[in-house]
All heavy atoms as atom14 arrays in JSON, in Angstrom:
{
  "sequence": "EHDGNHVAPHDVQIDLKAVQALFTSEPEMHPF",
  "atom14_mask": [
    [1, 1, 1, 1, 1, 1, 1, 1, 1, 0, 0, 0, 0, 0],
    [1, 1, 1, 1, 1, 1, 1, 1, 1, 1, 0, 0, 0, 0],
    [1, 1, 1, 1, 1, 1, 1, 1, 0, 0, 0, 0, 0, 0],
    [1, 1, 1, 1, 0, 0, 0, 0, 0, 0, 0, 0, 0, 0],
    [1, 1, 1, 1, 1, 1, 1, 1, 0, 0, 0, 0, 0, 0],
    [1, 1, 1, 1, 1, 1, 1, 1, 1, 1, 0, 0, 0, 0],
    [1, 1, 1, 1, 1, 1, 1, 0, 0, 0, 0, 0, 0, 0],
    [1, 1, 1, 1, 1, 0, 0, 0, 0, 0, 0, 0, 0, 0],
    [1, 1, 1, 1, 1, 1, 1, 0, 0, 0, 0, 0, 0, 0],
    [1, 1, 1, 1, 1, 1, 1, 1, 1, 1, 0, 0, 0, 0],
    [1, 1, 1, 1, 1, 1, 1, 1, 0, 0, 0, 0, 0, 0],
    [1, 1, 1, 1, 1, 1, 1, 0, 0, 0, 0, 0, 0, 0],
    [1, 1, 1, 1, 1, 1, 1, 1, 1, 0, 0, 0, 0, 0],
    [1, 1, 1, 1, 1, 1, 1, 1, 0, 0, 0, 0, 0, 0],
    [1, 1, 1, 1, 1, 1, 1, 1, 0, 0, 0, 0, 0, 0],
    [1, 1, 1, 1, 1, 1, 1, 1, 0, 0, 0, 0, 0, 0],
    [1, 1, 1, 1, 1, 1, 1, 1, 1, 0, 0, 0, 0, 0],
    [1, 1, 1, 1, 1, 0, 0, 0, 0, 0, 0, 0, 0, 0],
    [1, 1, 1, 1, 1, 1, 1, 0, 0, 0, 0, 0, 0, 0],
    [1, 1, 1, 1, 1, 1, 1, 1, 1, 0, 0, 0, 0, 0],
    [1, 1, 1, 1, 1, 0, 0, 0, 0, 0, 0, 0, 0, 0],
    [1, 1, 1, 1, 1, 1, 1, 1, 0, 0, 0, 0, 0, 0],
    [1, 1, 1, 1, 1, 1, 1, 1, 1, 1, 1, 0, 0, 0],
    [1, 1, 1, 1, 1, 1, 1, 0, 0, 0, 0, 0, 0, 0],
    [1, 1, 1, 1, 1, 1, 0, 0, 0, 0, 0, 0, 0, 0],
    [1, 1, 1, 1, 1, 1, 1, 1, 1, 0, 0, 0, 0, 0],
    [1, 1, 1, 1, 1, 1, 1, 0, 0, 0, 0, 0, 0, 0],
    [1, 1, 1, 1, 1, 1, 1, 1, 1, 0, 0, 0, 0, 0],
    [1, 1, 1, 1, 1, 1, 1, 1, 0, 0, 0, 0, 0, 0],
    [1, 1, 1, 1, 1, 1, 1, 1, 1, 1, 0, 0, 0, 0],
    [1, 1, 1, 1, 1, 1, 1, 0, 0, 0, 0, 0, 0, 0],
    [1, 1, 1, 1, 1, 1, 1, 1, 1, 1, 1, 0, 0, 0]
  ],
  "atom14_positions": [
    [[0.85, -1.15, -0.01], [-0.01, 0.03, -0.03], [0.88, 1.26, -0.02], [1.57, 1.55, 0.95], [-0.89, 0.0, 1.28], [-1.82, 1.28, 1.35], [-2.73, 1.36, 0.23], [-3.28, 0.31, -0.31], [-2.95, 2.51, -0.24], [0.0, 0.0, 0.0], [0.0, 0.0, 0.0], [0.0, 0.0, 0.0], [0.0, 0.0, 0.0], [0.0, 0.0, 0.0]],
    [[0.8, 1.98, -1.12], [1.65, 3.22, -1.19], [0.67, 4.29, -0.88], [0.19, 5.01, -1.71], [2.25, 3.33, -2.65], [3.05, 2.23, -2.99], [4.26, 1.85, -2.35], [2.89, 1.21, -3.93], [4.8, 0.73, -2.82], [4.0, 0.22, -3.72], [0.0, 0.0, 0.0], [0.0, 0.0, 0.0], [0.0, 0.0, 0.0], [0.0, 0.0, 0.0]],
    [[0.59, 4.59, 0.47], [-0.31, 5.66, 0.96], [0.4, 7.0, 1.32], [-0.14, 7.92, 1.88], [-1.13, 5.07, 2.02], [-0.4, 4.75, 3.28], [0.87, 4.78, 3.29], [-0.99, 4.26, 4.2], [0.0, 0.0, 0.0], [0.0, 0.0, 0.0], [0.0, 0.0, 0.0], [0.0, 0.0, 0.0], [0.0, 0.0, 0.0], [0.0, 0.0, 0.0]],
    [[1.76, 7.02, 1.21], [2.42, 8.14, 1.59], [2.97, 8.11, 3.07], [3.81, 8.82, 3.42], [0.0, 0.0, 0.0], [0.0, 0.0, 0.0], [0.0, 0.0, 0.0], [0.0, 0.0, 0.0], [0.0, 0.0, 0.0], [0.0, 0.0, 0.0], [0.0, 0.0, 0.0], [0.0, 0.0, 0.0], [0.0, 0.0, 0.0], [0.0, 0.0, 0.0]],
    [[2.36, 7.09, 3.82], [2.78, 7.07, 5.19], [3.65, 5.73, 5.47], [4.19, 5.6, 6.54], [1.62, 6.96, 6.11], [0.84, 8.24, 6.22], [1.43, 9.29, 6.23], [-0.51, 8.22, 6.14], [0.0, 0.0, 0.0], [0.0, 0.0, 0.0], [0.0, 0.0, 0.0], [0.0, 0.0, 0.0], [0.0, 0.0, 0.0], [0.0, 0.0, 0.0]],
    [[3.57, 4.79, 4.5], [4.37, 3.57, 4.73], [5.23, 3.24, 3.49], [4.89, 3.4, 2.45], [3.34, 2.33, 4.93], [2.36, 2.48, 5.95], [1.24, 3.23, 5.97], [2.3, 1.91, 7.24], [0.63, 3.16, 7.2], [1.31, 2.27, 8.01], [0.0, 0.0, 0.0], [0.0, 0.0, 0.0], [0.0, 0.0, 0.0], [0.0, 0.0, 0.0]],
    [[6.49, 2.83, 3.87], [7.28, 2.4, 2.89], [7.86, 0.92, 3.17], [7.84, 0.51, 4.34], [8.54, 3.31, 2.82], [8.23, 4.78, 2.34], [9.36, 3.32, 4.19], [0.0, 0.0, 0.0], [0.0, 0.0, 0.0], [0.0, 0.0, 0.0], [0.0, 0.0, 0.0], [0.0, 0.0, 0.0], [0.0, 0.0, 0.0], [0.0, 0.0, 0.0]],
    [[8.47, 0.35, 2.24], [8.9, -1.09, 2.4], [9.96, -1.12, 3.47], [10.82, -0.13, 3.54], [9.41, -1.68, 1.09], [0.0, 0.0, 0.0], [0.0, 0.0, 0.0], [0.0, 0.0, 0.0], [0.0, 0.0, 0.0], [0.0, 0.0, 0.0], [0.0, 0.0, 0.0], [0.0, 0.0, 0.0], [0.0, 0.0, 0.0], [0.0, 0.0, 0.0]],
    [[10.04, -2.12, 4.34], [9.13, -3.32, 4.33], [7.87, -3.18, 5.27], [7.21, -4.18, 5.52], [10.11, -4.35, 4.91], [10.97, -3.65, 5.93], [11.12, -2.18, 5.32], [0.0, 0.0, 0.0], [0.0, 0.0, 0.0], [0.0, 0.0, 0.0], [0.0, 0.0, 0.0], [0.0, 0.0, 0.0], [0.0, 0.0, 0.0], [0.0, 0.0, 0.0]],
    [[7.44, -2.0, 5.48], [6.43, -1.68, 6.47], [5.03, -1.42, 5.7], [4.32, -0.55, 6.2], [6.79, -0.57, 7.43], [8.11, -0.76, 8.0], [8.52, -1.64, 8.89], [9.15, 0.12, 7.84], [9.83, -1.54, 9.2], [10.28, -0.4, 8.5], [0.0, 0.0, 0.0], [0.0, 0.0, 0.0], [0.0, 0.0, 0.0], [0.0, 0.0, 0.0]],
    [[4.88, -1.88, 4.52], [3.7, -1.45, 3.78], [2.97, -2.7, 3.18], [2.15, -2.38, 2.24], [4.33, -0.63, 2.54], [5.16, -1.47, 1.65], [5.7, -2.49, 2.0], [5.61, -0.91, 0.58], [0.0, 0.0, 0.0], [0.0, 0.0, 0.0], [0.0, 0.0, 0.0], [0.0, 0.0, 0.0], [0.0, 0.0, 0.0], [0.0, 0.0, 0.0]],
    [[3.05, -3.86, 3.71], [2.27, -4.94, 3.11], [0.93, -5.16, 3.77], [0.89, -5.28, 4.99], [3.13, -6.28, 3.26], [2.34, -7.48, 2.71], [4.39, -6.17, 2.52], [0.0, 0.0, 0.0], [0.0, 0.0, 0.0], [0.0, 0.0, 0.0], [0.0, 0.0, 0.0], [0.0, 0.0, 0.0], [0.0, 0.0, 0.0], [0.0, 0.0, 0.0]],
    [[-0.14, -5.18, 2.94], [-1.51, -5.45, 3.52], [-1.97, -6.82, 3.06], [-1.53, -7.32, 2.06], [-2.38, -4.36, 2.89], [-2.34, -2.96, 3.44], [-3.55, -2.13, 3.01], [-4.25, -2.53, 2.22], [-3.67, -0.92, 3.62], [0.0, 0.0, 0.0], [0.0, 0.0, 0.0], [0.0, 0.0, 0.0], [0.0, 0.0, 0.0], [0.0, 0.0, 0.0]],
    [[-2.92, -7.29, 3.79], [-3.51, -8.65, 3.55], [-5.07, -8.45, 3.38], [-5.71, -7.6, 4.04], [-3.3, -9.71, 4.67], [-4.09, -10.97, 4.29], [-3.76, -9.11, 5.96], [-3.52, -11.68, 3.14], [0.0, 0.0, 0.0], [0.0, 0.0, 0.0], [0.0, 0.0, 0.0], [0.0, 0.0, 0.0], [0.0, 0.0, 0.0], [0.0, 0.0, 0.0]],
    [[-5.52, -9.09, 2.24], [-6.91, -9.01, 1.91], [-7.67, -9.96, 2.85], [-7.74, -11.09, 2.56], [-7.19, -9.29, 0.49], [-8.55, -9.18, 0.1], [-9.48, -9.28, 0.91], [-8.99, -9.18, -1.16], [0.0, 0.0, 0.0], [0.0, 0.0, 0.0], [0.0, 0.0, 0.0], [0.0, 0.0, 0.0], [0.0, 0.0, 0.0], [0.0, 0.0, 0.0]],
    [[-8.27, -9.52, 3.92], [-8.82, -10.3, 4.9], [-10.1, -11.02, 4.54], [-10.34, -12.18, 4.77], [-9.13, -9.58, 6.24], [-7.96, -9.27, 7.07], [-8.41, -8.58, 8.38], [-7.02, -10.46, 7.4], [0.0, 0.0, 0.0], [0.0, 0.0, 0.0], [0.0, 0.0, 0.0], [0.0, 0.0, 0.0], [0.0, 0.0, 0.0], [0.0, 0.0, 0.0]],
    [[-10.85, -10.46, 3.56], [-12.12, -11.04, 2.96], [-11.77, -12.17, 2.21], [-12.4, -13.28, 2.1], [-12.95, -9.92, 2.2], [-13.36, -8.8, 3.0], [-14.37, -9.14, 4.13], [-14.88, -8.01, 4.78], [-15.93, -8.29, 5.89], [0.0, 0.0, 0.0], [0.0, 0.0, 0.0], [0.0, 0.0, 0.0], [0.0, 0.0, 0.0], [0.0, 0.0, 0.0]],
    [[-10.6, -12.15, 1.4], [-10.18, -13.23, 0.66], [-9.65, -14.44, 1.51], [-9.98, -15.61, 1.17], [-9.02, -12.71, -0.38], [0.0, 0.0, 0.0], [0.0, 0.0, 0.0], [0.0, 0.0, 0.0], [0.0, 0.0, 0.0], [0.0, 0.0, 0.0], [0.0, 0.0, 0.0], [0.0, 0.0, 0.0], [0.0, 0.0, 0.0], [0.0, 0.0, 0.0]],
    [[-8.98, -14.12, 2.66], [-8.69, -15.04, 3.56], [-9.82, -15.86, 4.18], [-9.89, -16.99, 4.25], [-7.68, -14.55, 4.6], [-7.44, -15.67, 5.64], [-6.43, -13.93, 4.08], [0.0, 0.0, 0.0], [0.0, 0.0, 0.0], [0.0, 0.0, 0.0], [0.0, 0.0, 0.0], [0.0, 0.0, 0.0], [0.0, 0.0, 0.0], [0.0, 0.0, 0.0]],
    [[-10.74, -15.03, 4.49], [-11.98, -15.56, 5.12], [-12.73, -16.57, 4.17], [-13.32, -17.58, 4.54], [-13.02, -14.48, 5.5], [-14.17, -14.93, 6.25], [-15.13, -13.83, 6.63], [-15.29, -12.78, 5.9], [-15.89, -13.87, 7.73], [0.0, 0.0, 0.0], [0.0, 0.0, 0.0], [0.0, 0.0, 0.0], [0.0, 0.0, 0.0], [0.0, 0.0, 0.0]],
    [[-12.64, -16.31, 2.91], [-13.3, -17.18, 1.8], [-12.58, -18.47, 1.69], [-13.16, -19.39, 1.07], [-13.28, -16.41, 0.56], [0.0, 0.0, 0.0], [0.0, 0.0, 0.0], [0.0, 0.0, 0.0], [0.0, 0.0, 0.0], [0.0, 0.0, 0.0], [0.0, 0.0, 0.0], [0.0, 0.0, 0.0], [0.0, 0.0, 0.0], [0.0, 0.0, 0.0]],
    [[-11.42, -18.66, 2.28], [-10.65, -19.88, 2.27], [-11.15, -20.97, 3.13], [-10.85, -22.06, 3.1], [-9.09, -19.69, 2.29], [-8.42, -18.86, 1.38], [-7.02, -18.41, 1.65], [-8.48, -19.42, 0.02], [0.0, 0.0, 0.0], [0.0, 0.0, 0.0], [0.0, 0.0, 0.0], [0.0, 0.0, 0.0], [0.0, 0.0, 0.0], [0.0, 0.0, 0.0]],
    [[-11.93, -20.55, 4.16], [-12.3, -21.42, 5.24], [-13.42, -22.43, 4.56], [-14.32, -22.01, 3.91], [-13.03, -20.71, 6.44], [-12.09, -20.13, 7.37], [-11.45, -18.95, 7.16], [-11.85, -20.66, 8.59], [-10.66, -18.29, 8.08], [-10.99, -20.12, 9.58], [-10.39, -18.9, 9.27], [0.0, 0.0, 0.0], [0.0, 0.0, 0.0], [0.0, 0.0, 0.0]],
    [[-13.14, -23.73, 4.9], [-14.17, -24.71, 4.53], [-14.92, -25.24, 5.58], [-15.82, -26.01, 5.4], [-13.41, -25.86, 3.79], [-12.44, -26.42, 4.55], [-12.83, -25.3, 2.41], [0.0, 0.0, 0.0], [0.0, 0.0, 0.0], [0.0, 0.0, 0.0], [0.0, 0.0, 0.0], [0.0, 0.0, 0.0], [0.0, 0.0, 0.0], [0.0, 0.0, 0.0]],
    [[-14.47, -25.0, 6.91], [-15.19, -25.51, 8.17], [-14.91, -24.49, 9.22], [-13.9, -23.65, 9.15], [-14.71, -26.9, 8.43], [-13.33, -26.92, 8.78], [0.0, 0.0, 0.0], [0.0, 0.0, 0.0], [0.0, 0.0, 0.0], [0.0, 0.0, 0.0], [0.0, 0.0, 0.0], [0.0, 0.0, 0.0], [0.0, 0.0, 0.0], [0.0, 0.0, 0.0]],
    [[-15.53, -24.59, 10.2], [-15.31, -23.74, 11.44], [-14.47, -24.49, 12.49], [-14.75, -25.58, 12.92], [-16.67, -23.43, 12.03], [-17.6, -22.51, 11.12], [-18.8, -21.96, 11.83], [-18.63, -21.63, 12.97], [-19.85, -21.85, 11.18], [0.0, 0.0, 0.0], [0.0, 0.0, 0.0], [0.0, 0.0, 0.0], [0.0, 0.0, 0.0], [0.0, 0.0, 0.0]],
    [[-13.5, -23.81, 13.08], [-12.68, -24.38, 13.98], [-13.39, -24.46, 15.36], [-14.53, -23.93, 15.46], [-11.42, -23.41, 14.21], [-11.63, -22.45, 13.12], [-13.02, -22.46, 12.6], [0.0, 0.0, 0.0], [0.0, 0.0, 0.0], [0.0, 0.0, 0.0], [0.0, 0.0, 0.0], [0.0, 0.0, 0.0], [0.0, 0.0, 0.0], [0.0, 0.0, 0.0]],
    [[-12.8, -25.12, 16.35], [-13.53, -25.32, 17.69], [-13.36, -23.96, 18.37], [-12.31, -23.3, 18.39], [-12.87, -26.45, 18.51], [-13.34, -26.61, 19.88], [-12.64, -27.65, 20.74], [-11.75, -28.31, 20.16], [-13.1, -27.91, 21.92], [0.0, 0.0, 0.0], [0.0, 0.0, 0.0], [0.0, 0.0, 0.0], [0.0, 0.0, 0.0], [0.0, 0.0, 0.0]],
    [[-14.51, -23.62, 19.03], [-14.53, -22.33, 19.76], [-13.9, -22.61, 21.18], [-14.09, -23.54, 21.73], [-15.85, -21.73, 19.89], [-16.45, -21.29, 18.57], [-18.01, -20.44, 18.82], [-18.57, -20.38, 17.12], [0.0, 0.0, 0.0], [0.0, 0.0, 0.0], [0.0, 0.0, 0.0], [0.0, 0.0, 0.0], [0.0, 0.0, 0.0], [0.0, 0.0, 0.0]],
    [[-13.28, -21.51, 21.69], [-12.83, -21.57, 23.11], [-13.27, -20.28, 23.76], [-12.44, -19.41, 24.02], [-11.28, -21.71, 23.28], [-10.65, -22.99, 22.69], [-11.03, -24.16, 23.26], [-9.87, -23.26, 21.7], [-10.42, -25.11, 22.69], [-9.61, -24.56, 21.71], [0.0, 0.0, 0.0], [0.0, 0.0, 0.0], [0.0, 0.0, 0.0], [0.0, 0.0, 0.0]],
    [[-14.62, -20.17, 24.15], [-15.15, -18.92, 24.61], [-14.56, -18.48, 26.01], [-14.19, -19.34, 26.73], [-16.64, -19.21, 24.72], [-16.83, -20.49, 23.93], [-15.62, -21.19, 23.93], [0.0, 0.0, 0.0], [0.0, 0.0, 0.0], [0.0, 0.0, 0.0], [0.0, 0.0, 0.0], [0.0, 0.0, 0.0], [0.0, 0.0, 0.0], [0.0, 0.0, 0.0]],
    [[-14.45, -17.22, 25.99], [-14.19, -16.73, 27.47], [-15.56, -16.67, 28.23], [-16.58, -16.66, 27.7], [-13.74, -15.2, 27.28], [-12.22, -15.14, 26.75], [-12.05, -14.27, 25.65], [-11.24, -15.69, 27.33], [-10.78, -14.1, 25.14], [-9.81, -15.52, 26.95], [-9.61, -14.71, 25.87], [0.0, 0.0, 0.0], [0.0, 0.0, 0.0], [0.0, 0.0, 0.0]]
  ]
}
């Protein structure tokens, strides 16, 4: 992301919606 505030190596973003789409099942929950 070249937004003027971040330069390499501090500029890498992850597309979280794309990661979420990779789930094929739900892990076990450990609620507080």
